[in-house]
Amino acid sequence: MLTSHFSPKIAKAAAGWFTLSMDTAFSPQDAERLHQWRQAHPEHERAWQHIHQMRTSLHQLNSHAAYQTLSSLPSPARRSTLKTLAWLSMATGSGLLASKTETWQRQVADYSTDTGELKTLALADGTQIVLNTNSAIDVNLTHTARTVTLRYGEIMVTTGHLPGERRVFQLATNHGNIEPIGTQFNVRHLENSIAVAVLQGAVKIMPHHSQAVTLQAGMHTTFSSHHTEPATPASANAGAWRKGLLFANNMRLADLTQELARYRPGFIHCDSTVADFRISGVFPLSNTTQALDAIPNSLPVNIVYRTRYWVGMTAAQTGNMP
């Protein structure tokens, strides 16, 4: 069995392709697009080879009761089972169940949200925290300090100011700490960095191995353990998600798809033929189906739903999936 680690994004895509490939409606066009995905990056092929081993094992169970049971399931239940098996295969072989991954961290975090869920917390010190989709935090309020740790995801913090409060408030991340100066700010955990946008007041960003930087209201930056990018004006999306909205201003369709996918269980595939299309508009995050269905009103694309958990976006003239 392959033991290489894959990123959650690649593992998710490989599991999605596997589920679709086992569907009876898997077409030659689907097979060609799967081939293109595998050839797009060496990690894609390695992930596919890893998950393909599970497919081979399933076929080897022809005379086994487990295979007979799987074959007898109705199509939706069979797809669900295959999806679960695919994820288990990727998880056990690629380290996705290790202690630093989202699946595990959701179980041990003080507060967390599922895909598409928002949650508002009022802390004892008067601080308000809103957790965006698929996020997790720890809260540690002691007599001497107030610390919130962002495990993954995205949060909006409005710091409290109770009378006589002297404890320092810090937001801890795996790349460094953020200390607000009477403020409201948004923090998002990216793959290799932390994104910060300040709506009110200011924050002091303190990377683990780099100089501290102060970020003022209306500004945005990203930082890693060793570097902080120059500040730029914050976009409208920095706070719009709290109202369930996504603002697209000449956004690449691939980027819009990636953002909507954060709020929808399953997999959204944006074909390379339409990935660079540009779109503007306001899209509801609480109803991703409505948001997806609105895209063809602005662009020549087809939105095709194979299942609730598999959505494809292609050029309108092809009408093929994904």
C-alpha atoms as a PDB file:
ATOM      1  CA  MET A   1       0.000   0.000   0.000  1.00  0.00           C
ATOM      2  CA  LEU A   2       1.180   3.487  -0.747  1.00  0.00           C
ATOM      3  CA  THR A   3       2.064   5.433   2.354  1.00  0.00           C
ATOM      4  CA  SER A   4       2.666   8.891   0.902  1.00  0.00           C
ATOM      5  CA  HIS A   5       0.745  11.775   2.378  1.00  0.00           C
ATOM      6  CA  PHE A   6      -1.699  13.690   0.209  1.00  0.00           C
ATOM      7  CA  SER A   7      -3.175  17.102   0.814  1.00  0.00           C
ATOM      8  CA  PRO A   8      -6.859  17.108   1.893  1.00  0.00           C
ATOM      9  CA  LYS A   9      -7.722  18.783  -1.445  1.00  0.00           C
ATOM     10  CA  ILE A  10      -6.114  16.021  -3.533  1.00  0.00           C
ATOM     11  CA  ALA A  11      -7.523  13.291  -1.291  1.00  0.00           C
ATOM     12  CA  LYS A  12     -11.017  14.763  -1.634  1.00  0.00           C
ATOM     13  CA  ALA A  13     -10.724  14.918  -5.415  1.00  0.00           C
ATOM     14  CA  ALA A  14      -9.388  11.357  -5.674  1.00  0.00           C
ATOM     15  CA  ALA A  15     -12.193  10.017  -3.492  1.00  0.00           C
ATOM     16  CA  GLY A  16     -14.723  11.909  -5.592  1.00  0.00           C
ATOM     17  CA  TRP A  17     -13.358  10.554  -8.857  1.00  0.00           C
ATOM     18  CA  PHE A  18     -13.359   7.039  -7.415  1.00  0.00           C
ATOM     19  CA  THR A  19     -17.005   7.332  -6.377  1.00  0.00           C
ATOM     20  CA  LEU A  20     -17.994   8.579  -9.824  1.00  0.00           C
ATOM     21  CA  SER A  21     -15.936   5.914 -11.615  1.00  0.00           C
ATOM     22  CA  MET A  22     -17.880   3.183  -9.797  1.00  0.00           C
ATOM     23  CA  ASP A  23     -21.202   4.665 -10.933  1.00  0.00           C
ATOM     24  CA  THR A  24     -22.993   2.760 -13.698  1.00  0.00           C
ATOM     25  CA  ALA A  25     -23.454   6.074 -15.558  1.00  0.00           C
ATOM     26  CA  PHE A  26     -19.682   6.660 -15.801  1.00  0.00           C
ATOM     27  CA  SER A  27     -19.201   7.607 -19.470  1.00  0.00           C
ATOM     28  CA  PRO A  28     -16.214   7.587 -21.862  1.00  0.00           C
ATOM     29  CA  GLN A  29     -16.171  11.379 -21.534  1.00  0.00           C
ATOM     30  CA  ASP A  30     -15.967  10.994 -17.762  1.00  0.00           C
ATOM     31  CA  ALA A  31     -13.094   8.540 -18.206  1.00  0.00           C
ATOM     32  CA  GLU A  32     -11.237  11.040 -20.392  1.00  0.00           C
ATOM     33  CA  ARG A  33     -11.646  13.808 -17.828  1.00  0.00           C
ATOM     34  CA  LEU A  34     -10.440  11.479 -15.097  1.00  0.00           C
ATOM     35  CA  HIS A  35      -7.394  10.744 -17.261  1.00  0.00           C
ATOM     36  CA  GLN A  36      -6.778  14.485 -17.661  1.00  0.00           C
ATOM     37  CA  TRP A  37      -7.004  14.989 -13.896  1.00  0.00           C
ATOM     38  CA  ARG A  38      -4.523  12.167 -13.282  1.00  0.00           C
ATOM     39  CA  GLN A  39      -2.070  13.640 -15.799  1.00  0.00           C
ATOM     40  CA  ALA A  40      -2.383  17.197 -14.476  1.00  0.00           C
ATOM     41  CA  HIS A  41      -0.020  16.626 -11.532  1.00  0.00           C
ATOM     42  CA  PRO A  42       2.153  13.722 -10.271  1.00  0.00           C
ATOM     43  CA  GLU A  43       0.387  13.862  -6.900  1.00  0.00           C
ATOM     44  CA  HIS A  44      -2.959  13.276  -8.641  1.00  0.00           C
ATOM     45  CA  GLU A  45      -1.655  10.070 -10.193  1.00  0.00           C
ATOM     46  CA  ARG A  46      -0.117   8.862  -6.945  1.00  0.00           C
ATOM     47  CA  ALA A  47      -3.378   9.495  -5.102  1.00  0.00           C
ATOM     48  CA  TRP A  48      -5.344   7.677  -7.789  1.00  0.00           C
ATOM     49  CA  GLN A  49      -2.997   4.670  -7.681  1.00  0.00           C
ATOM     50  CA  HIS A  50      -3.404   4.554  -3.925  1.00  0.00           C
ATOM     51  CA  ILE A  51      -7.168   4.607  -4.024  1.00  0.00           C
ATOM     52  CA  HIS A  52      -7.230   2.236  -7.022  1.00  0.00           C
ATOM     53  CA  GLN A  53      -5.758  -0.435  -4.762  1.00  0.00           C
ATOM     54  CA  MET A  54      -8.989  -0.383  -2.781  1.00  0.00           C
ATOM     55  CA  ARG A  55     -10.981  -0.772  -5.995  1.00  0.00           C
ATOM     56  CA  THR A  56      -8.884  -3.809  -6.897  1.00  0.00           C
ATOM     57  CA  SER A  57      -9.473  -5.259  -3.442  1.00  0.00           C
ATOM     58  CA  LEU A  58     -13.221  -4.866  -3.876  1.00  0.00           C
ATOM     59  CA  HIS A  59     -13.142  -6.821  -7.120  1.00  0.00           C
ATOM     60  CA  GLN A  60     -11.161  -9.561  -5.402  1.00  0.00           C
ATOM     61  CA  LEU A  61     -14.080 -10.013  -2.988  1.00  0.00           C
ATOM     62  CA  ASN A  62     -16.383 -11.475  -5.678  1.00  0.00           C
ATOM     63  CA  SER A  63     -17.093 -14.631  -3.721  1.00  0.00           C
ATOM     64  CA  HIS A  64     -17.126 -12.943  -0.369  1.00  0.00           C
ATOM     65  CA  ALA A  65     -20.296 -12.058   1.545  1.00  0.00           C
ATOM     66  CA  ALA A  66     -19.160  -8.448   1.938  1.00  0.00           C
ATOM     67  CA  TYR A  67     -19.025  -8.007  -1.823  1.00  0.00           C
ATOM     68  CA  GLN A  68     -22.443  -9.613  -2.219  1.00  0.00           C
ATOM     69  CA  THR A  69     -23.865  -7.234   0.361  1.00  0.00           C
ATOM     70  CA  LEU A  70     -22.338  -4.221  -1.361  1.00  0.00           C
ATOM     71  CA  SER A  71     -23.667  -5.330  -4.750  1.00  0.00           C
ATOM     72  CA  SER A  72     -27.186  -5.749  -3.415  1.00  0.00           C
ATOM     73  CA  LEU A  73     -27.440  -2.217  -2.036  1.00  0.00           C
ATOM     74  CA  PRO A  74     -29.631   0.338  -3.849  1.00  0.00           C
ATOM     75  CA  SER A  75     -27.599   2.734  -6.000  1.00  0.00           C
ATOM     76  CA  PRO A  76     -27.674   5.739  -3.571  1.00  0.00           C
ATOM     77  CA  ALA A  77     -26.679   3.563  -0.615  1.00  0.00           C
ATOM     78  CA  ARG A  78     -23.968   1.870  -2.680  1.00  0.00           C
ATOM     79  CA  ARG A  79     -22.525   5.246  -3.690  1.00  0.00           C
ATOM     80  CA  SER A  80     -22.554   6.362  -0.063  1.00  0.00           C
ATOM     81  CA  THR A  81     -20.770   3.187   1.023  1.00  0.00           C
ATOM     82  CA  LEU A  82     -18.198   3.505  -1.752  1.00  0.00           C
ATOM     83  CA  LYS A  83     -17.591   7.119  -0.807  1.00  0.00           C
ATOM     84  CA  THR A  84     -16.991   6.106   2.806  1.00  0.00           C
ATOM     85  CA  LEU A  85     -14.615   3.334   1.752  1.00  0.00           C
ATOM     86  CA  ALA A  86     -12.775   5.746  -0.524  1.00  0.00           C
ATOM     87  CA  TRP A  87     -12.285   8.251   2.264  1.00  0.00           C
ATOM     88  CA  LEU A  88     -11.120   5.528   4.654  1.00  0.00           C
ATOM     89  CA  SER A  89      -8.630   4.357   2.047  1.00  0.00           C
ATOM     90  CA  MET A  90      -7.228   7.850   1.577  1.00  0.00           C
ATOM     91  CA  ALA A  91      -7.247   8.510   5.309  1.00  0.00           C
ATOM     92  CA  THR A  92      -5.453   5.393   6.481  1.00  0.00           C
ATOM     93  CA  GLY A  93      -2.872   5.478   3.708  1.00  0.00           C
ATOM     94  CA  SER A  94      -2.169   9.174   3.463  1.00  0.00           C
ATOM     95  CA  GLY A  95      -2.221  10.344   7.046  1.00  0.00           C
ATOM     96  CA  LEU A  96      -5.565  12.164   6.870  1.00  0.00           C
ATOM     97  CA  LEU A  97      -6.527  10.750  10.248  1.00  0.00           C
ATOM     98  CA  ALA A  98      -3.393  12.037  11.929  1.00  0.00           C
ATOM     99  CA  SER A  99      -3.704  14.333  14.902  1.00  0.00           C
ATOM    100  CA  LYS A 100      -3.236  17.516  12.866  1.00  0.00           C
ATOM    101  CA  THR A 101      -6.059  16.909  10.382  1.00  0.00           C
ATOM    102  CA  GLU A 102      -9.510  18.465  10.394  1.00  0.00           C
ATOM    103  CA  THR A 103     -11.344  15.187  11.034  1.00  0.00           C
ATOM    104  CA  TRP A 104      -9.434  14.546  14.224  1.00  0.00           C
ATOM    105  CA  GLN A 105      -9.266  18.166  15.325  1.00  0.00           C
ATOM    106  CA  ARG A 106     -13.044  18.553  15.029  1.00  0.00           C
ATOM    107  CA  GLN A 107     -13.417  15.793  17.600  1.00  0.00           C
ATOM    108  CA  VAL A 108     -11.079  17.364  20.145  1.00  0.00           C
ATOM    109  CA  ALA A 109     -11.725  21.091  19.601  1.00  0.00           C
ATOM    110  CA  ASP A 110     -13.732  23.109  22.131  1.00  0.00           C
ATOM    111  CA  TYR A 111     -16.007  24.487  19.397  1.00  0.00           C
ATOM    112  CA  SER A 112     -16.434  23.519  15.748  1.00  0.00           C
ATOM    113  CA  THR A 113     -18.759  23.789  12.759  1.00  0.00           C
ATOM    114  CA  ASP A 114     -19.651  21.365   9.990  1.00  0.00           C
ATOM    115  CA  THR A 115     -19.682  22.151   6.280  1.00  0.00           C
ATOM    116  CA  GLY A 116     -22.194  24.923   5.614  1.00  0.00           C
ATOM    117  CA  GLU A 117     -22.720  25.695   9.310  1.00  0.00           C
ATOM    118  CA  LEU A 118     -22.125  29.018  11.064  1.00  0.00           C
ATOM    119  CA  LYS A 119     -21.914  29.355  14.846  1.00  0.00           C
ATOM    120  CA  THR A 120     -21.785  32.420  17.122  1.00  0.00           C
ATOM    121  CA  LEU A 121     -20.129  32.258  20.550  1.00  0.00           C
ATOM    122  CA  ALA A 122     -20.272  34.799  23.358  1.00  0.00           C
ATOM    123  CA  LEU A 123     -17.302  34.351  25.688  1.00  0.00           C
ATOM    124  CA  ALA A 124     -17.325  35.237  29.365  1.00  0.00           C
ATOM    125  CA  ASP A 125     -15.055  38.241  28.759  1.00  0.00           C
ATOM    126  CA  GLY A 126     -17.559  39.801  26.351  1.00  0.00           C
ATOM    127  CA  THR A 127     -15.740  38.685  23.216  1.00  0.00           C
ATOM    128  CA  GLN A 128     -17.904  37.449  20.335  1.00  0.00           C
ATOM    129  CA  ILE A 129     -16.608  34.865  17.893  1.00  0.00           C
ATOM    130  CA  VAL A 130     -18.384  33.702  14.758  1.00  0.00           C
ATOM    131  CA  LEU A 131     -17.169  30.416  13.269  1.00  0.00           C
ATOM    132  CA  ASN A 132     -17.496  30.057   9.516  1.00  0.00           C
ATOM    133  CA  THR A 133     -18.110  26.771   7.712  1.00  0.00           C
ATOM    134  CA  ASN A 134     -15.888  23.825   8.663  1.00  0.00           C
ATOM    135  CA  SER A 135     -13.941  25.603  11.416  1.00  0.00           C
ATOM    136  CA  ALA A 136     -12.652  24.736  14.874  1.00  0.00           C
ATOM    137  CA  ILE A 137     -11.241  26.672  17.823  1.00  0.00           C
ATOM    138  CA  ASP A 138     -10.099  26.197  21.404  1.00  0.00           C
ATOM    139  CA  VAL A 139     -10.833  28.763  24.122  1.00  0.00           C
ATOM    140  CA  ASN A 140      -8.678  29.228  27.206  1.00  0.00           C
ATOM    141  CA  LEU A 141      -9.667  32.007  29.616  1.00  0.00           C
ATOM    142  CA  THR A 142      -7.526  32.147  32.730  1.00  0.00           C
ATOM    143  CA  HIS A 143      -6.927  34.705  35.466  1.00  0.00           C
ATOM    144  CA  THR A 144      -3.982  36.141  33.548  1.00  0.00           C
ATOM    145  CA  ALA A 145      -4.693  35.662  29.833  1.00  0.00           C
ATOM    146  CA  ARG A 146      -7.345  35.168  27.183  1.00  0.00           C
ATOM    147  CA  THR A 147      -6.311  32.833  24.388  1.00  0.00           C
ATOM    148  CA  VAL A 148      -8.306  31.517  21.445  1.00  0.00           C
ATOM    149  CA  THR A 149      -6.590  28.980  19.185  1.00  0.00           C
ATOM    150  CA  LEU A 150      -7.701  28.622  15.572  1.00  0.00           C
ATOM    151  CA  ARG A 151      -7.249  24.978  14.626  1.00  0.00           C
ATOM    152  CA  TYR A 152      -8.571  25.359  11.083  1.00  0.00           C
ATOM    153  CA  GLY A 153     -11.203  27.248   9.116  1.00  0.00           C
ATOM    154  CA  GLU A 154     -12.235  30.883   9.484  1.00  0.00           C
ATOM    155  CA  ILE A 155     -13.531  33.080  12.296  1.00  0.00           C
ATOM    156  CA  MET A 156     -14.612  36.655  12.929  1.00  0.00           C
ATOM    157  CA  VAL A 157     -13.556  38.050  16.317  1.00  0.00           C
ATOM    158  CA  THR A 158     -15.029  41.090  18.070  1.00  0.00           C
ATOM    159  CA  THR A 159     -13.036  41.519  21.262  1.00  0.00           C
ATOM    160  CA  GLY A 160     -14.814  42.264  24.513  1.00  0.00           C
ATOM    161  CA  HIS A 161     -14.061  45.235  26.753  1.00  0.00           C
ATOM    162  CA  LEU A 162     -15.513  44.528  30.161  1.00  0.00           C
ATOM    163  CA  PRO A 163     -14.800  47.182  32.830  1.00  0.00           C
ATOM    164  CA  GLY A 164     -11.442  46.606  34.477  1.00  0.00           C
ATOM    165  CA  GLU A 165     -10.327  43.963  31.957  1.00  0.00           C
ATOM    166  CA  ARG A 166      -6.538  43.815  31.904  1.00  0.00           C
ATOM    167  CA  ARG A 167      -5.871  40.341  30.532  1.00  0.00           C
ATOM    168  CA  VAL A 168      -4.193  40.306  27.141  1.00  0.00           C
ATOM    169  CA  PHE A 169      -6.253  38.716  24.365  1.00  0.00           C
ATOM    170  CA  GLN A 170      -4.417  36.638  21.780  1.00  0.00           C
ATOM    171  CA  LEU A 171      -5.521  34.543  18.849  1.00  0.00           C
ATOM    172  CA  ALA A 172      -3.060  31.695  18.367  1.00  0.00           C
ATOM    173  CA  THR A 173      -2.401  29.977  15.025  1.00  0.00           C
ATOM    174  CA  ASN A 174       0.168  27.471  13.834  1.00  0.00           C
ATOM    175  CA  HIS A 175       2.128  30.302  12.158  1.00  0.00           C
ATOM    176  CA  GLY A 176       2.028  32.853  14.963  1.00  0.00           C
ATOM    177  CA  ASN A 177      -0.203  34.929  17.229  1.00  0.00           C
ATOM    178  CA  ILE A 178      -2.518  37.865  16.627  1.00  0.00           C
ATOM    179  CA  GLU A 179      -3.093  40.470  19.317  1.00  0.00           C
ATOM    180  CA  PRO A 180      -6.045  42.825  18.770  1.00  0.00           C
ATOM    181  CA  ILE A 181      -6.010  46.461  19.717  1.00  0.00           C
ATOM    182  CA  GLY A 182      -9.689  47.118  20.445  1.00  0.00           C
ATOM    183  CA  THR A 183     -10.903  45.582  17.258  1.00  0.00           C
ATOM    184  CA  GLN A 184     -12.989  43.384  15.009  1.00  0.00           C
ATOM    185  CA  PHE A 185     -11.019  41.171  12.675  1.00  0.00           C
ATOM    186  CA  ASN A 186     -11.357  38.154  10.415  1.00  0.00           C
ATOM    187  CA  VAL A 187      -8.867  35.272  10.344  1.00  0.00           C
ATOM    188  CA  ARG A 188      -8.760  32.431   7.834  1.00  0.00           C
ATOM    189  CA  HIS A 189      -6.508  29.402   7.985  1.00  0.00           C
ATOM    190  CA  LEU A 190      -5.129  28.793   4.480  1.00  0.00           C
ATOM    191  CA  GLU A 191      -3.118  25.798   3.321  1.00  0.00           C
ATOM    192  CA  ASN A 192       0.295  27.344   4.040  1.00  0.00           C
ATOM    193  CA  SER A 193      -0.481  30.680   5.686  1.00  0.00           C
ATOM    194  CA  ILE A 194      -2.949  32.730   7.714  1.00  0.00           C
ATOM    195  CA  ALA A 195      -5.115  35.474   6.174  1.00  0.00           C
ATOM    196  CA  VAL A 196      -6.095  38.452   8.349  1.00  0.00           C
ATOM    197  CA  ALA A 197      -8.485  41.309   7.592  1.00  0.00           C
ATOM    198  CA  VAL A 198      -9.223  44.095  10.082  1.00  0.00           C
ATOM    199  CA  LEU A 199     -12.672  45.669  10.078  1.00  0.00           C
ATOM    200  CA  GLN A 200     -12.260  47.897  13.138  1.00  0.00           C
ATOM    201  CA  GLY A 201      -9.296  49.007  15.234  1.00  0.00           C
ATOM    202  CA  ALA A 202      -5.987  47.273  14.564  1.00  0.00           C
ATOM    203  CA  VAL A 203      -4.152  44.023  15.252  1.00  0.00           C
ATOM    204  CA  LYS A 204      -0.565  43.119  15.972  1.00  0.00           C
ATOM    205  CA  ILE A 205       0.584  40.107  13.949  1.00  0.00           C
ATOM    206  CA  MET A 206       3.438  38.170  15.530  1.00  0.00           C
ATOM    207  CA  PRO A 207       4.771  35.361  13.305  1.00  0.00           C
ATOM    208  CA  HIS A 208       6.787  32.690  15.102  1.00  0.00           C
ATOM    209  CA  HIS A 209      10.027  33.492  13.271  1.00  0.00           C
ATOM    210  CA  SER A 210       9.579  36.979  11.854  1.00  0.00           C
ATOM    211  CA  GLN A 211       9.147  40.579  12.935  1.00  0.00           C
ATOM    212  CA  ALA A 212       5.796  41.724  14.342  1.00  0.00           C
ATOM    213  CA  VAL A 213       3.577  43.837  12.078  1.00  0.00           C
ATOM    214  CA  THR A 214       0.613  46.097  12.923  1.00  0.00           C
ATOM    215  CA  LEU A 215      -2.388  45.884  10.588  1.00  0.00           C
ATOM    216  CA  GLN A 216      -4.856  48.759  10.561  1.00  0.00           C
ATOM    217  CA  ALA A 217      -8.626  48.821   9.934  1.00  0.00           C
ATOM    218  CA  GLY A 218      -9.662  48.247   6.336  1.00  0.00           C
ATOM    219  CA  MET A 219      -6.487  46.322   5.505  1.00  0.00           C
ATOM    220  CA  HIS A 220      -5.687  42.679   4.751  1.00  0.00           C
ATOM    221  CA  THR A 221      -2.562  40.532   4.751  1.00  0.00           C
ATOM    222  CA  THR A 222      -1.385  36.931   4.884  1.00  0.00           C
ATOM    223  CA  PHE A 223       1.470  35.661   6.991  1.00  0.00           C
ATOM    224  CA  SER A 224       3.424  32.481   7.613  1.00  0.00           C
ATOM    225  CA  SER A 225       5.859  31.582  10.351  1.00  0.00           C
ATOM    226  CA  HIS A 226       8.688  33.376   8.538  1.00  0.00           C
ATOM    227  CA  HIS A 227       7.080  36.117   6.465  1.00  0.00           C
ATOM    228  CA  THR A 228       4.245  38.662   6.332  1.00  0.00           C
ATOM    229  CA  GLU A 229       2.962  39.941   2.990  1.00  0.00           C
ATOM    230  CA  PRO A 230       2.542  43.715   2.406  1.00  0.00           C
ATOM    231  CA  ALA A 231      -0.884  44.952   3.482  1.00  0.00           C
ATOM    232  CA  THR A 232      -3.591  45.518   0.867  1.00  0.00           C
ATOM    233  CA  PRO A 233      -7.163  46.852   1.127  1.00  0.00           C
ATOM    234  CA  ALA A 234      -9.542  44.254   2.559  1.00  0.00           C
ATOM    235  CA  SER A 235     -12.221  42.887   0.225  1.00  0.00           C
ATOM    236  CA  ALA A 236     -15.955  43.001   0.913  1.00  0.00           C
ATOM    237  CA  ASN A 237     -15.924  39.248   1.492  1.00  0.00           C
ATOM    238  CA  ALA A 238     -13.947  39.702   4.711  1.00  0.00           C
ATOM    239  CA  GLY A 239     -17.198  40.115   6.623  1.00  0.00           C
ATOM    240  CA  ALA A 240     -19.886  39.200   4.097  1.00  0.00           C
ATOM    241  CA  TRP A 241     -19.865  35.499   4.954  1.00  0.00           C
ATOM    242  CA  ARG A 242     -21.386  36.303   8.372  1.00  0.00           C
ATOM    243  CA  LYS A 243     -24.493  37.413   6.474  1.00  0.00           C
ATOM    244  CA  GLY A 244     -24.399  34.322   4.276  1.00  0.00           C
ATOM    245  CA  LEU A 245     -23.154  36.153   1.190  1.00  0.00           C
ATOM    246  CA  LEU A 246     -20.253  35.864  -1.230  1.00  0.00           C
ATOM    247  CA  PHE A 247     -19.332  38.877  -3.352  1.00  0.00           C
ATOM    248  CA  ALA A 248     -17.694  38.114  -6.694  1.00  0.00           C
ATOM    249  CA  ASN A 249     -16.034  41.021  -8.481  1.00  0.00           C
ATOM    250  CA  ASN A 250     -14.607  39.812 -11.789  1.00  0.00           C
ATOM    251  CA  MET A 251     -13.729  36.567 -10.034  1.00  0.00           C
ATOM    252  CA  ARG A 252     -12.398  33.516 -11.874  1.00  0.00           C
ATOM    253  CA  LEU A 253     -15.058  30.835 -12.100  1.00  0.00           C
ATOM    254  CA  ALA A 254     -12.616  28.309 -10.676  1.00  0.00           C
ATOM    255  CA  ASP A 255     -12.089  30.538  -7.632  1.00  0.00           C
ATOM    256  CA  LEU A 256     -15.837  31.033  -7.178  1.00  0.00           C
ATOM    257  CA  THR A 257     -16.313  27.279  -7.388  1.00  0.00           C
ATOM    258  CA  GLN A 258     -13.637  26.731  -4.759  1.00  0.00           C
ATOM    259  CA  GLU A 259     -15.312  29.200  -2.398  1.00  0.00           C
ATOM    260  CA  LEU A 260     -18.782  27.684  -2.854  1.00  0.00           C
ATOM    261  CA  ALA A 261     -17.326  24.224  -2.275  1.00  0.00           C
ATOM    262  CA  ARG A 262     -16.394  25.269   1.261  1.00  0.00           C
ATOM    263  CA  TYR A 263     -20.105  25.490   2.077  1.00  0.00           C
ATOM    264  CA  ARG A 264     -21.348  22.394   0.260  1.00  0.00           C
ATOM    265  CA  PRO A 265     -20.744  18.732   1.205  1.00  0.00           C
ATOM    266  CA  GLY A 266     -19.271  16.692  -1.599  1.00  0.00           C
ATOM    267  CA  PHE A 267     -17.324  17.733  -4.671  1.00  0.00           C
ATOM    268  CA  ILE A 268     -17.758  20.523  -7.237  1.00  0.00           C
ATOM    269  CA  HIS A 269     -15.767  20.073 -10.436  1.00  0.00           C
ATOM    270  CA  CYS A 270     -14.994  23.122 -12.578  1.00  0.00           C
ATOM    271  CA  ASP A 271     -13.810  22.031 -16.015  1.00  0.00           C
ATOM    272  CA  SER A 272     -10.582  23.593 -17.272  1.00  0.00           C
ATOM    273  CA  THR A 273     -12.438  24.923 -20.331  1.00  0.00           C
ATOM    274  CA  VAL A 274     -14.427  27.321 -18.139  1.00  0.00           C
ATOM    275  CA  ALA A 275     -12.068  27.800 -15.187  1.00  0.00           C
ATOM    276  CA  ASP A 276     -10.817  31.208 -16.358  1.00  0.00           C
ATOM    277  CA  PHE A 277     -14.253  32.652 -17.133  1.00  0.00           C
ATOM    278  CA  ARG A 278     -14.853  35.832 -15.114  1.00  0.00           C
ATOM    279  CA  ILE A 279     -18.012  36.505 -13.138  1.00  0.00           C
ATOM    280  CA  SER A 280     -19.438  39.221 -10.878  1.00  0.00           C
ATOM    281  CA  GLY A 281     -22.419  39.021  -8.565  1.00  0.00           C
ATOM    282  CA  VAL A 282     -23.684  38.266  -5.076  1.00  0.00           C
ATOM    283  CA  PHE A 283     -24.145  34.578  -4.234  1.00  0.00           C
ATOM    284  CA  PRO A 284     -25.959  33.037  -1.232  1.00  0.00           C
ATOM    285  CA  LEU A 285     -23.753  30.759   0.851  1.00  0.00           C
ATOM    286  CA  SER A 286     -26.679  29.287   2.754  1.00  0.00           C
ATOM    287  CA  ASN A 287     -28.084  27.834  -0.490  1.00  0.00           C
ATOM    288  CA  THR A 288     -25.229  26.713  -2.714  1.00  0.00           C
ATOM    289  CA  THR A 289     -27.610  25.049  -5.172  1.00  0.00           C
ATOM    290  CA  GLN A 290     -29.262  28.420  -5.784  1.00  0.00           C
ATOM    291  CA  ALA A 291     -25.824  30.005  -6.169  1.00  0.00           C
ATOM    292  CA  LEU A 292     -24.678  27.375  -8.669  1.00  0.00           C
ATOM    293  CA  ASP A 293     -27.901  27.570 -10.664  1.00  0.00           C
ATOM    294  CA  ALA A 294     -27.442  31.336 -11.033  1.00  0.00           C
ATOM    295  CA  ILE A 295     -24.066  31.017 -12.778  1.00  0.00           C
ATOM    296  CA  PRO A 296     -25.477  30.079 -16.237  1.00  0.00           C
ATOM    297  CA  ASN A 297     -27.430  33.354 -16.157  1.00  0.00           C
ATOM    298  CA  SER A 298     -24.111  35.165 -16.518  1.00  0.00           C
ATOM    299  CA  LEU A 299     -21.829  32.676 -18.266  1.00  0.00           C
ATOM    300  CA  PRO A 300     -22.174  30.049 -21.038  1.00  0.00           C
ATOM    301  CA  VAL A 301     -21.792  27.059 -18.724  1.00  0.00           C
ATOM    302  CA  ASN A 302     -23.778  23.974 -17.793  1.00  0.00           C
ATOM    303  CA  ILE A 303     -24.333  22.931 -14.178  1.00  0.00           C
ATOM    304  CA  VAL A 304     -24.923  19.177 -13.946  1.00  0.00           C
ATOM    305  CA  TYR A 305     -25.890  17.308 -10.773  1.00  0.00           C
ATOM    306  CA  ARG A 306     -24.923  13.644 -10.884  1.00  0.00           C
ATOM    307  CA  THR A 307     -25.804  13.300  -7.224  1.00  0.00           C
ATOM    308  CA  ARG A 308     -26.326  15.724  -4.381  1.00  0.00           C
ATOM    309  CA  TYR A 309     -22.627  15.373  -3.621  1.00  0.00           C
ATOM    310  CA  TRP A 310     -21.227  15.548  -7.147  1.00  0.00           C
ATOM    311  CA  VAL A 311     -21.697  18.695  -9.228  1.00  0.00           C
ATOM    312  CA  GLY A 312     -19.990  19.484 -12.514  1.00  0.00           C
ATOM    313  CA  MET A 313     -19.499  22.726 -14.397  1.00  0.00           C
ATOM    314  CA  THR A 314     -18.644  22.625 -18.123  1.00  0.00           C
ATOM    315  CA  ALA A 315     -18.901  24.790 -21.237  1.00  0.00           C
ATOM    316  CA  ALA A 316     -22.516  25.086 -22.362  1.00  0.00           C
ATOM    317  CA  GLN A 317     -21.863  23.726 -25.825  1.00  0.00           C
ATOM    318  CA  THR A 318     -20.547  20.376 -24.500  1.00  0.00           C
ATOM    319  CA  GLY A 319     -23.188  19.522 -21.938  1.00  0.00           C
ATOM    320  CA  ASN A 320     -20.931  16.791 -20.583  1.00  0.00           C
ATOM    321  CA  MET A 321     -19.963  15.928 -17.056  1.00  0.00           C
ATOM    322  CA  PRO A 322     -17.980  16.576 -14.955  1.00  0.00           C
END
